[in-house]
PDB file of all heavy atoms in Angstrom:
ATOM      1  N   LYS A   1       5.731 -15.107  -3.801  1.00  0.00           N
ATOM      2  CA  LYS A   1       6.549 -15.964  -4.668  1.00  0.00           C
ATOM      3  C   LYS A   1       7.081 -15.206  -5.870  1.00  0.00           C
ATOM      4  O   LYS A   1       8.097 -15.590  -6.454  1.00  0.00           O
ATOM      5  CB  LYS A   1       5.739 -17.183  -5.120  1.00  0.00           C
ATOM      6  CG  LYS A   1       5.476 -18.175  -3.998  1.00  0.00           C
ATOM      7  CD  LYS A   1       4.737 -19.405  -4.504  1.00  0.00           C
ATOM      8  CE  LYS A   1       4.504 -20.406  -3.385  1.00  0.00           C
ATOM      9  NZ  LYS A   1       3.771 -21.610  -3.855  1.00  0.00           N
ATOM     10  N   GLN A   2       6.399 -14.142  -6.258  1.00  0.00           N
ATOM     11  CA  GLN A   2       6.883 -13.353  -7.378  1.00  0.00           C
ATOM     12  C   GLN A   2       8.055 -12.470  -6.975  1.00  0.00           C
ATOM     13  O   GLN A   2       8.956 -12.218  -7.768  1.00  0.00           O
ATOM     14  CB  GLN A   2       5.743 -12.476  -7.928  1.00  0.00           C
ATOM     15  CG  GLN A   2       4.498 -13.247  -8.333  1.00  0.00           C
ATOM     16  CD  GLN A   2       4.771 -14.289  -9.394  1.00  0.00           C
ATOM     17  OE1 GLN A   2       5.670 -14.106 -10.217  1.00  0.00           O
ATOM     18  NE2 GLN A   2       4.024 -15.381  -9.385  1.00  0.00           N
ATOM     19  N   LEU A   3       8.035 -12.015  -5.732  1.00  0.00           N
ATOM     20  CA  LEU A   3       9.071 -11.116  -5.241  1.00  0.00           C
ATOM     21  C   LEU A   3      10.302 -11.878  -4.763  1.00  0.00           C
ATOM     22  O   LEU A   3      11.436 -11.501  -5.049  1.00  0.00           O
ATOM     23  CB  LEU A   3       8.501 -10.269  -4.099  1.00  0.00           C
ATOM     24  CG  LEU A   3       9.456  -9.266  -3.479  1.00  0.00           C
ATOM     25  CD1 LEU A   3       9.761  -8.146  -4.457  1.00  0.00           C
ATOM     26  CD2 LEU A   3       8.871  -8.704  -2.194  1.00  0.00           C
ATOM     27  N   ILE A   4      10.075 -12.957  -3.999  1.00  0.00           N
ATOM     28  CA  ILE A   4      11.161 -13.764  -3.443  1.00  0.00           C
ATOM     29  C   ILE A   4      11.271 -15.013  -4.304  1.00  0.00           C
ATOM     30  O   ILE A   4      10.447 -15.919  -4.225  1.00  0.00           O
ATOM     31  CB  ILE A   4      10.884 -14.113  -1.969  1.00  0.00           C
ATOM     32  CG1 ILE A   4      10.691 -12.832  -1.149  1.00  0.00           C
ATOM     33  CG2 ILE A   4      12.020 -14.956  -1.395  1.00  0.00           C
ATOM     34  CD1 ILE A   4      10.300 -13.065   0.298  1.00  0.00           C
ATOM     35  N   ARG A   5      12.286 -15.053  -5.133  1.00  0.00           N
ATOM     36  CA  ARG A   5      12.397 -16.110  -6.118  1.00  0.00           C
ATOM     37  C   ARG A   5      12.866 -17.409  -5.468  1.00  0.00           C
ATOM     38  O   ARG A   5      13.393 -17.420  -4.352  1.00  0.00           O
ATOM     39  CB  ARG A   5      13.345 -15.695  -7.238  1.00  0.00           C
ATOM     40  CG  ARG A   5      13.041 -14.333  -7.845  1.00  0.00           C
ATOM     41  CD  ARG A   5      11.604 -14.198  -8.324  1.00  0.00           C
ATOM     42  NE  ARG A   5      11.293 -15.113  -9.408  1.00  0.00           N
ATOM     43  CZ  ARG A   5      10.185 -15.067 -10.133  1.00  0.00           C
ATOM     44  NH1 ARG A   5       9.262 -14.149  -9.883  1.00  0.00           N
ATOM     45  NH2 ARG A   5       9.978 -15.929 -11.104  1.00  0.00           N
ATOM     46  N   ILE A   6      12.718 -18.505  -6.178  1.00  0.00           N
ATOM     47  CA  ILE A   6      12.941 -19.827  -5.600  1.00  0.00           C
ATOM     48  C   ILE A   6      14.389 -20.020  -5.152  1.00  0.00           C
ATOM     49  O   ILE A   6      14.673 -20.793  -4.235  1.00  0.00           O
ATOM     50  CB  ILE A   6      12.508 -20.925  -6.600  1.00  0.00           C
ATOM     51  CG1 ILE A   6      12.441 -22.289  -5.897  1.00  0.00           C
ATOM     52  CG2 ILE A   6      13.443 -20.963  -7.800  1.00  0.00           C
ATOM     53  CD1 ILE A   6      11.751 -23.368  -6.711  1.00  0.00           C
ATOM     54  N   ASN A   7      15.334 -19.310  -5.782  1.00  0.00           N
ATOM     55  CA  ASN A   7      16.745 -19.450  -5.388  1.00  0.00           C
ATOM     56  C   ASN A   7      17.142 -18.476  -4.287  1.00  0.00           C
ATOM     57  O   ASN A   7      18.312 -18.410  -3.901  1.00  0.00           O
ATOM     58  CB  ASN A   7      17.650 -19.258  -6.602  1.00  0.00           C
ATOM     59  CG  ASN A   7      17.723 -17.801  -7.039  1.00  0.00           C
ATOM     60  OD1 ASN A   7      16.802 -17.030  -6.775  1.00  0.00           O
ATOM     61  ND2 ASN A   7      18.794 -17.431  -7.703  1.00  0.00           N
ATOM     62  N   GLY A   8      16.183 -17.683  -3.786  1.00  0.00           N
ATOM     63  CA  GLY A   8      16.468 -16.752  -2.704  1.00  0.00           C
ATOM     64  C   GLY A   8      16.664 -15.318  -3.139  1.00  0.00           C
ATOM     65  O   GLY A   8      16.748 -14.420  -2.284  1.00  0.00           O
ATOM     66  N   ASP A   9      16.751 -15.046  -4.438  1.00  0.00           N
ATOM     67  CA  ASP A   9      16.826 -13.659  -4.887  1.00  0.00           C
ATOM     68  C   ASP A   9      15.554 -12.912  -4.480  1.00  0.00           C
ATOM     69  O   ASP A   9      14.447 -13.461  -4.574  1.00  0.00           O
ATOM     70  CB  ASP A   9      16.973 -13.590  -6.410  1.00  0.00           C
ATOM     71  CG  ASP A   9      18.351 -14.004  -6.900  1.00  0.00           C
ATOM     72  OD1 ASP A   9      19.269 -14.104  -6.059  1.00  0.00           O
ATOM     73  OD2 ASP A   9      18.510 -14.231  -8.111  1.00  0.00           O
ATOM     74  N   VAL A  10      15.723 -11.677  -4.041  1.00  0.00           N
ATOM     75  CA  VAL A  10      14.591 -10.834  -3.652  1.00  0.00           C
ATOM     76  C   VAL A  10      14.667  -9.569  -4.495  1.00  0.00           C
ATOM     77  O   VAL A  10      15.612  -8.795  -4.383  1.00  0.00           O
ATOM     78  CB  VAL A  10      14.632 -10.486  -2.150  1.00  0.00           C
ATOM     79  CG1 VAL A  10      13.419  -9.644  -1.767  1.00  0.00           C
ATOM     80  CG2 VAL A  10      14.672 -11.759  -1.310  1.00  0.00           C
ATOM     81  N   LEU A  11      13.683  -9.362  -5.363  1.00  0.00           N
ATOM     82  CA  LEU A  11      13.775  -8.328  -6.380  1.00  0.00           C
ATOM     83  C   LEU A  11      13.615  -6.922  -5.796  1.00  0.00           C
ATOM     84  O   LEU A  11      13.010  -6.749  -4.734  1.00  0.00           O
ATOM     85  CB  LEU A  11      12.710  -8.578  -7.452  1.00  0.00           C
ATOM     86  CG  LEU A  11      12.762  -9.950  -8.135  1.00  0.00           C
ATOM     87  CD1 LEU A  11      11.747 -10.020  -9.271  1.00  0.00           C
ATOM     88  CD2 LEU A  11      14.160 -10.241  -8.669  1.00  0.00           C
ATOM     89  N   PRO A  12      14.136  -5.905  -6.493  1.00  0.00           N
ATOM     90  CA  PRO A  12      13.903  -4.519  -6.079  1.00  0.00           C
ATOM     91  C   PRO A  12      12.403  -4.211  -6.116  1.00  0.00           C
ATOM     92  O   PRO A  12      11.708  -4.625  -7.050  1.00  0.00           O
ATOM     93  CB  PRO A  12      14.667  -3.704  -7.127  1.00  0.00           C
ATOM     94  CG  PRO A  12      15.621  -4.645  -7.768  1.00  0.00           C
ATOM     95  CD  PRO A  12      14.965  -5.989  -7.714  1.00  0.00           C
ATOM     96  N   THR A  13      11.947  -3.483  -5.133  1.00  0.00           N
ATOM     97  CA  THR A  13      10.520  -3.449  -4.821  1.00  0.00           C
ATOM     98  C   THR A  13       9.920  -2.050  -4.872  1.00  0.00           C
ATOM     99  O   THR A  13      10.505  -1.092  -4.369  1.00  0.00           O
ATOM    100  CB  THR A  13      10.315  -4.004  -3.394  1.00  0.00           C
ATOM    101  OG1 THR A  13      10.879  -5.310  -3.319  1.00  0.00           O
ATOM    102  CG2 THR A  13       8.853  -4.079  -3.035  1.00  0.00           C
ATOM    103  N   LEU A  14       8.719  -1.958  -5.471  1.00  0.00           N
ATOM    104  CA  LEU A  14       7.901  -0.761  -5.335  1.00  0.00           C
ATOM    105  C   LEU A  14       7.136  -0.856  -4.019  1.00  0.00           C
ATOM    106  O   LEU A  14       6.414  -1.840  -3.785  1.00  0.00           O
ATOM    107  CB  LEU A  14       6.877  -0.660  -6.472  1.00  0.00           C
ATOM    108  CG  LEU A  14       7.367  -0.731  -7.916  1.00  0.00           C
ATOM    109  CD1 LEU A  14       6.182  -0.652  -8.871  1.00  0.00           C
ATOM    110  CD2 LEU A  14       8.358   0.378  -8.211  1.00  0.00           C
ATOM    111  N   LEU A  15       7.294   0.109  -3.158  1.00  0.00           N
ATOM    112  CA  LEU A  15       6.545   0.159  -1.911  1.00  0.00           C
ATOM    113  C   LEU A  15       5.531   1.297  -2.031  1.00  0.00           C
ATOM    114  O   LEU A  15       5.918   2.460  -2.233  1.00  0.00           O
ATOM    115  CB  LEU A  15       7.489   0.409  -0.734  1.00  0.00           C
ATOM    116  CG  LEU A  15       7.039  -0.077   0.643  1.00  0.00           C
ATOM    117  CD1 LEU A  15       6.942  -1.597   0.676  1.00  0.00           C
ATOM    118  CD2 LEU A  15       7.990   0.417   1.725  1.00  0.00           C
ATOM    119  N   VAL A  16       4.251   0.960  -1.940  1.00  0.00           N
ATOM    120  CA  VAL A  16       3.174   1.946  -2.067  1.00  0.00           C
ATOM    121  C   VAL A  16       2.251   1.794  -0.877  1.00  0.00           C
ATOM    122  O   VAL A  16       1.762   0.686  -0.596  1.00  0.00           O
ATOM    123  CB  VAL A  16       2.391   1.748  -3.387  1.00  0.00           C
ATOM    124  CG1 VAL A  16       1.191   2.694  -3.446  1.00  0.00           C
ATOM    125  CG2 VAL A  16       3.306   1.985  -4.587  1.00  0.00           C
ATOM    126  N   ASP A  17       2.053   2.885  -0.157  1.00  0.00           N
ATOM    127  CA  ASP A  17       1.247   2.875   1.070  1.00  0.00           C
ATOM    128  C   ASP A  17       1.735   1.798   2.039  1.00  0.00           C
ATOM    129  O   ASP A  17       0.966   1.164   2.738  1.00  0.00           O
ATOM    130  CB  ASP A  17      -0.236   2.675   0.747  1.00  0.00           C
ATOM    131  CG  ASP A  17      -1.127   2.959   1.962  1.00  0.00           C
ATOM    132  OD1 ASP A  17      -0.731   3.776   2.826  1.00  0.00           O
ATOM    133  OD2 ASP A  17      -2.201   2.330   2.069  1.00  0.00           O
ATOM    134  N   GLY A  18       3.041   1.587   2.057  1.00  0.00           N
ATOM    135  CA  GLY A  18       3.649   0.687   3.028  1.00  0.00           C
ATOM    136  C   GLY A  18       3.697  -0.768   2.636  1.00  0.00           C
ATOM    137  O   GLY A  18       4.228  -1.587   3.394  1.00  0.00           O
ATOM    138  N   TYR A  19       3.181  -1.121   1.460  1.00  0.00           N
ATOM    139  CA  TYR A  19       3.142  -2.526   1.051  1.00  0.00           C
ATOM    140  C   TYR A  19       3.754  -2.695  -0.343  1.00  0.00           C
ATOM    141  O   TYR A  19       3.725  -1.782  -1.168  1.00  0.00           O
ATOM    142  CB  TYR A  19       1.700  -3.040   1.024  1.00  0.00           C
ATOM    143  CG  TYR A  19       1.064  -3.108   2.386  1.00  0.00           C
ATOM    144  CD1 TYR A  19       0.353  -2.020   2.890  1.00  0.00           C
ATOM    145  CD2 TYR A  19       1.191  -4.244   3.186  1.00  0.00           C
ATOM    146  CE1 TYR A  19      -0.233  -2.080   4.151  1.00  0.00           C
ATOM    147  CE2 TYR A  19       0.616  -4.305   4.446  1.00  0.00           C
ATOM    148  CZ  TYR A  19      -0.093  -3.221   4.929  1.00  0.00           C
ATOM    149  OH  TYR A  19      -0.661  -3.262   6.176  1.00  0.00           O
ATOM    150  N   VAL A  20       4.268  -3.899  -0.589  1.00  0.00           N
ATOM    151  CA  VAL A  20       4.809  -4.213  -1.906  1.00  0.00           C
ATOM    152  C   VAL A  20       3.705  -4.115  -2.947  1.00  0.00           C
ATOM    153  O   VAL A  20       2.622  -4.690  -2.796  1.00  0.00           O
ATOM    154  CB  VAL A  20       5.419  -5.626  -1.916  1.00  0.00           C
ATOM    155  CG1 VAL A  20       5.742  -6.072  -3.332  1.00  0.00           C
ATOM    156  CG2 VAL A  20       6.674  -5.666  -1.047  1.00  0.00           C
ATOM    157  N   ALA A  21       3.984  -3.357  -4.001  1.00  0.00           N
ATOM    158  CA  ALA A  21       3.008  -3.180  -5.073  1.00  0.00           C
ATOM    159  C   ALA A  21       3.575  -3.559  -6.433  1.00  0.00           C
ATOM    160  O   ALA A  21       2.868  -3.482  -7.441  1.00  0.00           O
ATOM    161  CB  ALA A  21       2.534  -1.731  -5.101  1.00  0.00           C
ATOM    162  N   GLY A  22       4.840  -3.964  -6.472  1.00  0.00           N
ATOM    163  CA  GLY A  22       5.446  -4.321  -7.735  1.00  0.00           C
ATOM    164  C   GLY A  22       6.958  -4.355  -7.612  1.00  0.00           C
ATOM    165  O   GLY A  22       7.502  -4.390  -6.505  1.00  0.00           O
ATOM    166  N   VAL A  23       7.639  -4.352  -8.745  1.00  0.00           N
ATOM    167  CA  VAL A  23       9.096  -4.417  -8.771  1.00  0.00           C
ATOM    168  C   VAL A  23       9.620  -3.355  -9.730  1.00  0.00           C
ATOM    169  O   VAL A  23       8.882  -2.803 -10.548  1.00  0.00           O
ATOM    170  CB  VAL A  23       9.600  -5.814  -9.187  1.00  0.00           C
ATOM    171  CG1 VAL A  23       9.204  -6.864  -8.155  1.00  0.00           C
ATOM    172  CG2 VAL A  23       9.054  -6.203 -10.567  1.00  0.00           C
ATOM    173  N   TRP A  24      10.917  -3.088  -9.632  1.00  0.00           N
ATOM    174  CA  TRP A  24      11.545  -2.116 -10.525  1.00  0.00           C
ATOM    175  C   TRP A  24      12.941  -2.586 -10.883  1.00  0.00           C
ATOM    176  O   TRP A  24      13.520  -3.428 -10.215  1.00  0.00           O
ATOM    177  CB  TRP A  24      11.587  -0.727  -9.886  1.00  0.00           C
ATOM    178  CG  TRP A  24      12.478  -0.624  -8.666  1.00  0.00           C
ATOM    179  CD1 TRP A  24      12.113  -0.846  -7.371  1.00  0.00           C
ATOM    180  CD2 TRP A  24      13.875  -0.281  -8.635  1.00  0.00           C
ATOM    181  NE1 TRP A  24      13.196  -0.676  -6.527  1.00  0.00           N
ATOM    182  CE2 TRP A  24      14.290  -0.319  -7.275  1.00  0.00           C
ATOM    183  CE3 TRP A  24      14.821   0.053  -9.611  1.00  0.00           C
ATOM    184  CZ2 TRP A  24      15.606  -0.044  -6.886  1.00  0.00           C
ATOM    185  CZ3 TRP A  24      16.132   0.333  -9.227  1.00  0.00           C
ATOM    186  CH2 TRP A  24      16.500   0.286  -7.871  1.00  0.00           C
ATOM    187  N   ARG A  25      13.459  -1.997 -11.951  1.00  0.00           N
ATOM    188  CA  ARG A  25      14.852  -2.241 -12.332  1.00  0.00           C
ATOM    189  C   ARG A  25      15.340  -1.047 -13.144  1.00  0.00           C
ATOM    190  O   ARG A  25      14.558  -0.393 -13.854  1.00  0.00           O
ATOM    191  CB  ARG A  25      14.987  -3.523 -13.147  1.00  0.00           C
ATOM    192  CG  ARG A  25      14.196  -3.520 -14.449  1.00  0.00           C
ATOM    193  CD  ARG A  25      14.505  -4.745 -15.281  1.00  0.00           C
ATOM    194  NE  ARG A  25      13.635  -4.849 -16.447  1.00  0.00           N
ATOM    195  CZ  ARG A  25      13.886  -5.643 -17.490  1.00  0.00           C
ATOM    196  NH1 ARG A  25      14.984  -6.389 -17.514  1.00  0.00           N
ATOM    197  NH2 ARG A  25      13.047  -5.694 -18.518  1.00  0.00           N
ATOM    198  N   PRO A  26      16.631  -0.751 -13.057  1.00  0.00           N
ATOM    199  CA  PRO A  26      17.184   0.292 -13.926  1.00  0.00           C
ATOM    200  C   PRO A  26      17.299  -0.227 -15.362  1.00  0.00           C
ATOM    201  O   PRO A  26      17.720  -1.359 -15.585  1.00  0.00           O
ATOM    202  CB  PRO A  26      18.575   0.565 -13.336  1.00  0.00           C
ATOM    203  CG  PRO A  26      18.606  -0.146 -12.020  1.00  0.00           C
ATOM    204  CD  PRO A  26      17.640  -1.270 -12.126  1.00  0.00           C
ATOM    205  N   VAL A  27      16.891   0.582 -16.318  1.00  0.00           N
ATOM    206  CA  VAL A  27      17.071   0.279 -17.740  1.00  0.00           C
ATOM    207  C   VAL A  27      17.692   1.504 -18.395  1.00  0.00           C
ATOM    208  O   VAL A  27      17.855   2.546 -17.756  1.00  0.00           O
ATOM    209  CB  VAL A  27      15.729  -0.096 -18.415  1.00  0.00           C
ATOM    210  CG1 VAL A  27      15.185  -1.405 -17.844  1.00  0.00           C
ATOM    211  CG2 VAL A  27      14.700   1.017 -18.247  1.00  0.00           C
ATOM    212  N   GLU A  28      18.043   1.391 -19.663  1.00  0.00           N
ATOM    213  CA  GLU A  28      18.717   2.506 -20.335  1.00  0.00           C
ATOM    214  C   GLU A  28      17.893   3.784 -20.284  1.00  0.00           C
ATOM    215  O   GLU A  28      18.431   4.886 -20.154  1.00  0.00           O
ATOM    216  CB  GLU A  28      19.020   2.130 -21.784  1.00  0.00           C
ATOM    217  CG  GLU A  28      20.064   1.034 -21.943  1.00  0.00           C
ATOM    218  CD  GLU A  28      21.438   1.443 -21.419  1.00  0.00           C
ATOM    219  OE1 GLU A  28      21.733   2.658 -21.404  1.00  0.00           O
ATOM    220  OE2 GLU A  28      22.205   0.551 -21.005  1.00  0.00           O
ATOM    221  N   ALA A  29      16.571   3.659 -20.383  1.00  0.00           N
ATOM    222  CA  ALA A  29      15.715   4.845 -20.460  1.00  0.00           C
ATOM    223  C   ALA A  29      15.324   5.415 -19.104  1.00  0.00           C
ATOM    224  O   ALA A  29      14.718   6.478 -19.033  1.00  0.00           O
ATOM    225  CB  ALA A  29      14.453   4.515 -21.263  1.00  0.00           C
ATOM    226  N   GLY A  30      15.624   4.702 -18.023  1.00  0.00           N
ATOM    227  CA  GLY A  30      15.238   5.189 -16.695  1.00  0.00           C
ATOM    228  C   GLY A  30      14.997   4.050 -15.727  1.00  0.00           C
ATOM    229  O   GLY A  30      15.768   3.096 -15.674  1.00  0.00           O
ATOM    230  N   ILE A  31      13.922   4.141 -14.967  1.00  0.00           N
ATOM    231  CA  ILE A  31      13.496   3.078 -14.055  1.00  0.00           C
ATOM    232  C   ILE A  31      12.260   2.414 -14.630  1.00  0.00           C
ATOM    233  O   ILE A  31      11.231   3.076 -14.854  1.00  0.00           O
ATOM    234  CB  ILE A  31      13.161   3.643 -12.651  1.00  0.00           C
ATOM    235  CG1 ILE A  31      14.402   4.249 -11.989  1.00  0.00           C
ATOM    236  CG2 ILE A  31      12.548   2.544 -11.771  1.00  0.00           C
ATOM    237  CD1 ILE A  31      15.479   3.265 -11.615  1.00  0.00           C
ATOM    238  N   GLU A  32      12.357   1.127 -14.905  1.00  0.00           N
ATOM    239  CA  GLU A  32      11.195   0.372 -15.363  1.00  0.00           C
ATOM    240  C   GLU A  32      10.444  -0.134 -14.140  1.00  0.00           C
ATOM    241  O   GLU A  32      10.961  -0.951 -13.378  1.00  0.00           O
ATOM    242  CB  GLU A  32      11.624  -0.798 -16.236  1.00  0.00           C
ATOM    243  CG  GLU A  32      10.452  -1.622 -16.772  1.00  0.00           C
ATOM    244  CD  GLU A  32      10.927  -2.837 -17.542  1.00  0.00           C
ATOM    245  OE1 GLU A  32      11.431  -2.658 -18.668  1.00  0.00           O
ATOM    246  OE2 GLU A  32      10.812  -3.957 -16.995  1.00  0.00           O
ATOM    247  N   ALA A  33       9.234   0.367 -13.955  1.00  0.00           N
ATOM    248  CA  ALA A  33       8.418   0.006 -12.795  1.00  0.00           C
ATOM    249  C   ALA A  33       7.268  -0.884 -13.249  1.00  0.00           C
ATOM    250  O   ALA A  33       6.472  -0.485 -14.118  1.00  0.00           O
ATOM    251  CB  ALA A  33       7.868   1.258 -12.114  1.00  0.00           C
ATOM    252  N   THR A  34       7.193  -2.078 -12.692  1.00  0.00           N
ATOM    253  CA  THR A  34       6.131  -3.029 -13.002  1.00  0.00           C
ATOM    254  C   THR A  34       5.203  -3.129 -11.803  1.00  0.00           C
ATOM    255  O   THR A  34       5.597  -3.616 -10.738  1.00  0.00           O
ATOM    256  CB  THR A  34       6.714  -4.421 -13.312  1.00  0.00           C
ATOM    257  OG1 THR A  34       7.593  -4.328 -14.433  1.00  0.00           O
ATOM    258  CG2 THR A  34       5.606  -5.420 -13.619  1.00  0.00           C
ATOM    259  N   ALA A  35       3.984  -2.632 -11.961  1.00  0.00           N
ATOM    260  CA  ALA A  35       2.993  -2.691 -10.874  1.00  0.00           C
ATOM    261  C   ALA A  35       2.237  -4.005 -10.952  1.00  0.00           C
ATOM    262  O   ALA A  35       1.792  -4.419 -12.034  1.00  0.00           O
ATOM    263  CB  ALA A  35       2.024  -1.518 -10.980  1.00  0.00           C
ATOM    264  N   PHE A  36       2.086  -4.656  -9.795  1.00  0.00           N
ATOM    265  CA  PHE A  36       1.366  -5.931  -9.747  1.00  0.00           C
ATOM    266  C   PHE A  36      -0.153  -5.733  -9.726  1.00  0.00           C
ATOM    267  O   PHE A  36      -0.905  -6.676  -9.947  1.00  0.00           O
ATOM    268  CB  PHE A  36       1.774  -6.718  -8.505  1.00  0.00           C
ATOM    269  CG  PHE A  36       3.196  -7.235  -8.535  1.00  0.00           C
ATOM    270  CD1 PHE A  36       3.793  -7.688  -7.368  1.00  0.00           C
ATOM    271  CD2 PHE A  36       3.929  -7.284  -9.713  1.00  0.00           C
ATOM    272  CE1 PHE A  36       5.098  -8.166  -7.369  1.00  0.00           C
ATOM    273  CE2 PHE A  36       5.237  -7.759  -9.730  1.00  0.00           C
ATOM    274  CZ  PHE A  36       5.821  -8.204  -8.551  1.00  0.00           C
ATOM    275  N   HIS A  37      -0.607  -4.525  -9.413  1.00  0.00           N
ATOM    276  CA  HIS A  37      -2.026  -4.206  -9.438  1.00  0.00           C
ATOM    277  C   HIS A  37      -2.182  -2.741  -9.836  1.00  0.00           C
ATOM    278  O   HIS A  37      -1.198  -2.004  -9.906  1.00  0.00           O
ATOM    279  CB  HIS A  37      -2.691  -4.469  -8.078  1.00  0.00           C
ATOM    280  CG  HIS A  37      -2.087  -3.707  -6.945  1.00  0.00           C
ATOM    281  ND1 HIS A  37      -1.186  -4.267  -6.070  1.00  0.00           N
ATOM    282  CD2 HIS A  37      -2.216  -2.410  -6.540  1.00  0.00           C
ATOM    283  CE1 HIS A  37      -0.803  -3.366  -5.176  1.00  0.00           C
ATOM    284  NE2 HIS A  37      -1.417  -2.229  -5.448  1.00  0.00           N
ATOM    285  N   HIS A  38      -3.377  -2.338 -10.112  1.00  0.00           N
ATOM    286  CA  HIS A  38      -3.615  -0.963 -10.535  1.00  0.00           C
ATOM    287  C   HIS A  38      -3.200   0.015  -9.437  1.00  0.00           C
ATOM    288  O   HIS A  38      -3.545  -0.168  -8.265  1.00  0.00           O
ATOM    289  CB  HIS A  38      -5.099  -0.752 -10.857  1.00  0.00           C
ATOM    290  CG  HIS A  38      -5.440   0.683 -11.165  1.00  0.00           C
ATOM    291  ND1 HIS A  38      -5.084   1.288 -12.354  1.00  0.00           N
ATOM    292  CD2 HIS A  38      -6.066   1.633 -10.407  1.00  0.00           C
ATOM    293  CE1 HIS A  38      -5.488   2.544 -12.327  1.00  0.00           C
ATOM    294  NE2 HIS A  38      -6.080   2.782 -11.172  1.00  0.00           N
ATOM    295  N   LEU A  39      -2.461   1.047  -9.839  1.00  0.00           N
ATOM    296  CA  LEU A  39      -2.054   2.090  -8.911  1.00  0.00           C
ATOM    297  C   LEU A  39      -2.718   3.406  -9.298  1.00  0.00           C
ATOM    298  O   LEU A  39      -2.936   3.684 -10.482  1.00  0.00           O
ATOM    299  CB  LEU A  39      -0.528   2.269  -8.937  1.00  0.00           C
ATOM    300  CG  LEU A  39       0.324   1.055  -8.570  1.00  0.00           C
ATOM    301  CD1 LEU A  39       1.813   1.409  -8.668  1.00  0.00           C
ATOM    302  CD2 LEU A  39      -0.010   0.556  -7.174  1.00  0.00           C
ATOM    303  N   SER A  40      -2.984   4.202  -8.289  1.00  0.00           N
ATOM    304  CA  SER A  40      -3.598   5.498  -8.539  1.00  0.00           C
ATOM    305  C   SER A  40      -2.603   6.439  -9.207  1.00  0.00           C
ATOM    306  O   SER A  40      -1.382   6.232  -9.163  1.00  0.00           O
ATOM    307  CB  SER A  40      -4.073   6.106  -7.222  1.00  0.00           C
ATOM    308  OG  SER A  40      -2.952   6.451  -6.413  1.00  0.00           O
ATOM    309  N   GLY A  41      -3.128   7.497  -9.800  1.00  0.00           N
ATOM    310  CA  GLY A  41      -2.256   8.508 -10.379  1.00  0.00           C
ATOM    311  C   GLY A  41      -1.351   9.125  -9.341  1.00  0.00           C
ATOM    312  O   GLY A  41      -0.172   9.418  -9.621  1.00  0.00           O
ATOM    313  N   GLU A  42      -1.867   9.307  -8.125  1.00  0.00           N
ATOM    314  CA  GLU A  42      -1.054   9.872  -7.049  1.00  0.00           C
ATOM    315  C   GLU A  42       0.112   8.949  -6.712  1.00  0.00           C
ATOM    316  O   GLU A  42       1.246   9.409  -6.476  1.00  0.00           O
ATOM    317  CB  GLU A  42      -1.923  10.105  -5.809  1.00  0.00           C
ATOM    318  CG  GLU A  42      -1.167  10.707  -4.646  1.00  0.00           C
ATOM    319  CD  GLU A  42      -2.049  10.887  -3.410  1.00  0.00           C
ATOM    320  OE1 GLU A  42      -3.215  10.436  -3.430  1.00  0.00           O
ATOM    321  OE2 GLU A  42      -1.558  11.471  -2.421  1.00  0.00           O
TER     322      GLU A  42
END
């Protein structure tokens, strides 16, 4: 429900180890990556 919004929008997605792990968007400073759970340094 966080990724696929109620109006049908589907947000840009972080894919980690083959599964959705968060979302991203371009911002002035670069790519803003929002992780939905803790991600490893790798």
